[in-house]
Amino acid sequence: MRPAAVRPACAGIAVLALLVSGCAGLKAPTLSVDSLKMGDMGITGAALNVGFRVRNPNPEPVVIEKLEYELFLNGKRLGRGYEAKGFTLEGFAEDRIMSRFDINLLSLPGAVREVLEEDRGKARVKGKFYVRRGDGLKKVGFDADANVDLRK
């Protein structure tokens, strides 16, 4: 038979194990392109305003410190972008964020430039969220395709 003082310690260890396993079970938030719109244009480059839809499949809030991504349009890589402004996404919530994406027009194939002038396109985004977990950051990947209105 165990002494009475040992039982609460065992119960405390069991609760701690449940809490740790709950943190380890983070489901990756999802991110998809919601809109693409040309912004400011210069001689050699342009800004693309990329609208994203972000969803949290977890019951608890998720703190996203930043994200970095690669953007593709109709199978052609446009380049890399990032959003350094962090945000909190409540449990089971969805939000929209905007990111400015700079394009070097000189390095883009003519076919991609033509697609940017059309009404619709197939956008793919893949990258990583940097999610706050305790005292550190956890990298969580995403990869999604979407048909988007390029005139929105």
Protein backbone atom coordinates (compact mmCIF):
# COMPACT_ATOMS: atom_id res chain seq x y z
CA MET A 1 0.00 0.00 0.00
CA ARG A 2 1.29 3.48 -0.91
CA PRO A 3 1.54 6.30 1.58
CA ALA A 4 -1.13 9.03 1.17
CA ALA A 5 1.48 11.65 0.17
CA VAL A 6 2.53 9.63 -2.89
CA ARG A 7 -1.01 9.49 -4.39
CA PRO A 8 -1.32 13.28 -4.95
CA ALA A 9 2.15 13.31 -6.51
CA CYS A 10 1.10 10.56 -8.93
CA ALA A 11 -2.09 12.47 -9.74
CA GLY A 12 -0.02 15.63 -10.39
CA ILE A 13 2.26 13.74 -12.76
CA ALA A 14 -0.76 12.33 -14.61
CA VAL A 15 -2.26 15.83 -15.05
CA LEU A 16 1.10 17.18 -16.26
CA ALA A 17 1.36 14.33 -18.79
CA LEU A 18 -2.12 15.18 -20.12
CA LEU A 19 -1.21 18.86 -20.46
CA VAL A 20 2.02 18.07 -22.31
CA SER A 21 0.28 15.63 -24.65
CA GLY A 22 -2.37 18.31 -25.36
CA CYS A 23 0.36 20.74 -26.47
CA ALA A 24 1.97 18.09 -28.64
CA GLY A 25 -1.35 17.51 -30.46
CA LEU A 26 -1.40 20.85 -32.30
CA LYS A 27 -3.25 20.53 -35.59
CA ALA A 28 -1.72 22.70 -38.30
CA PRO A 29 -3.68 25.85 -39.13
CA THR A 30 -4.67 26.04 -42.80
CA LEU A 31 -3.92 28.90 -45.15
CA SER A 32 -5.21 29.43 -48.69
CA VAL A 33 -5.09 32.27 -51.19
CA ASP A 34 -8.36 34.22 -51.16
CA SER A 35 -7.45 37.03 -53.59
CA LEU A 36 -4.63 38.44 -55.69
CA LYS A 37 -4.65 42.04 -56.81
CA MET A 38 -1.97 44.09 -58.54
CA GLY A 39 -0.79 47.03 -56.48
CA ASP A 40 1.81 49.69 -57.22
CA MET A 41 3.81 49.16 -60.42
CA GLY A 42 7.26 50.39 -61.31
CA ILE A 43 9.53 49.96 -64.28
CA THR A 44 10.94 46.59 -63.20
CA GLY A 45 8.62 45.45 -60.45
CA ALA A 46 5.16 45.42 -58.99
CA ALA A 47 3.45 44.83 -55.69
CA LEU A 48 0.88 42.10 -55.47
CA ASN A 49 -1.62 42.29 -52.62
CA VAL A 50 -2.24 38.70 -51.55
CA GLY A 51 -5.31 37.99 -49.44
CA PHE A 52 -5.18 34.82 -47.36
CA ARG A 53 -7.86 32.91 -45.50
CA VAL A 54 -6.49 31.32 -42.30
CA ARG A 55 -8.33 28.69 -40.24
CA ASN A 56 -7.58 27.25 -36.82
CA PRO A 57 -8.76 23.61 -36.49
CA ASN A 58 -7.83 23.56 -32.78
CA PRO A 59 -10.20 24.31 -29.87
CA GLU A 60 -7.58 26.56 -28.23
CA PRO A 61 -6.23 29.84 -29.64
CA VAL A 62 -3.10 29.70 -31.80
CA VAL A 63 -0.55 32.53 -31.76
CA ILE A 64 1.09 32.86 -35.19
CA GLU A 65 4.21 35.00 -34.86
CA LYS A 66 4.94 35.14 -38.61
CA LEU A 67 4.65 33.15 -41.80
CA GLU A 68 6.76 32.68 -44.90
CA TYR A 69 5.55 31.28 -48.19
CA GLU A 70 6.16 30.53 -51.85
CA LEU A 71 3.48 31.70 -54.27
CA PHE A 72 2.61 29.99 -57.57
CA LEU A 73 0.13 31.10 -60.21
CA ASN A 74 -1.08 28.57 -62.81
CA GLY A 75 1.89 26.35 -61.95
CA LYS A 76 4.52 29.09 -62.34
CA ARG A 77 6.52 30.20 -59.32
CA LEU A 78 6.19 33.94 -58.61
CA GLY A 79 8.67 33.95 -55.72
CA ARG A 80 8.83 34.02 -51.92
CA GLY A 81 6.97 36.23 -49.50
CA TYR A 82 6.41 36.62 -45.79
CA GLU A 83 4.14 38.26 -43.26
CA ALA A 84 6.01 39.41 -40.16
CA LYS A 85 3.02 40.89 -38.34
CA GLY A 86 1.85 38.28 -35.84
CA PHE A 87 -1.73 37.54 -34.91
CA THR A 88 -3.82 35.29 -32.69
CA LEU A 89 -6.44 33.02 -34.18
CA GLU A 90 -9.10 31.93 -31.72
CA GLY A 91 -10.11 28.27 -31.42
CA PHE A 92 -12.05 26.96 -34.46
CA ALA A 93 -11.93 30.48 -35.96
CA GLU A 94 -11.24 31.79 -39.44
CA ASP A 95 -9.70 35.13 -40.38
CA ARG A 96 -8.38 36.97 -43.41
CA ILE A 97 -4.98 38.61 -43.64
CA MET A 98 -3.26 40.62 -46.38
CA SER A 99 0.37 40.35 -47.39
CA ARG A 100 2.33 42.54 -49.78
CA PHE A 101 4.25 40.43 -52.26
CA ASP A 102 6.93 42.08 -54.43
CA ILE A 103 7.36 40.78 -57.98
CA ASN A 104 10.36 41.35 -60.22
CA LEU A 105 8.64 41.72 -63.61
CA LEU A 106 11.91 41.24 -65.48
CA SER A 107 12.34 37.72 -64.09
CA LEU A 108 8.75 36.58 -64.75
CA PRO A 109 7.96 34.60 -67.88
CA GLY A 110 5.62 36.38 -70.29
CA ALA A 111 2.95 33.71 -69.71
CA VAL A 112 2.75 34.61 -66.01
CA ARG A 113 2.46 38.32 -66.79
CA GLU A 114 -0.44 37.51 -69.14
CA VAL A 115 -2.16 35.44 -66.43
CA LEU A 116 -1.94 38.39 -64.02
CA GLU A 117 -4.02 40.36 -66.52
CA GLU A 118 -6.80 37.73 -66.67
CA ASP A 119 -9.92 37.49 -64.49
CA ARG A 120 -9.19 34.16 -62.74
CA GLY A 121 -6.20 31.96 -61.96
CA LYS A 122 -5.14 28.93 -59.95
CA ALA A 123 -3.01 30.02 -57.00
CA ARG A 124 -0.91 27.72 -54.84
CA VAL A 125 0.76 28.72 -51.61
CA LYS A 126 3.13 26.61 -49.55
CA GLY A 127 5.26 27.53 -46.60
CA LYS A 128 5.49 27.62 -42.81
CA PHE A 129 3.73 29.22 -39.89
CA TYR A 130 5.88 30.10 -36.86
CA VAL A 131 3.50 29.22 -34.02
CA ARG A 132 4.15 30.27 -30.41
CA ARG A 133 4.26 27.16 -28.18
CA GLY A 134 5.27 27.91 -24.60
CA ASP A 135 8.63 29.70 -24.65
CA GLY A 136 9.51 28.76 -28.23
CA LEU A 137 8.33 28.74 -31.82
CA LYS A 138 7.18 25.67 -33.68
CA LYS A 139 7.33 25.57 -37.49
CA VAL A 140 4.09 24.23 -38.95
CA GLY A 141 3.81 23.67 -42.70
CA PHE A 142 0.97 24.48 -45.09
CA ASP A 143 0.30 23.81 -48.78
CA ALA A 144 -2.97 24.72 -50.53
CA ASP A 145 -4.44 25.41 -53.96
CA ALA A 146 -7.31 27.78 -54.75
CA ASN A 147 -9.01 29.28 -57.78
CA VAL A 148 -8.94 33.04 -57.26
CA ASP A 149 -10.50 36.12 -58.76
CA LEU A 150 -7.62 38.28 -59.97
CA ARG A 151 -9.84 41.38 -60.27
CA LYS A 152 -11.15 41.39 -56.67
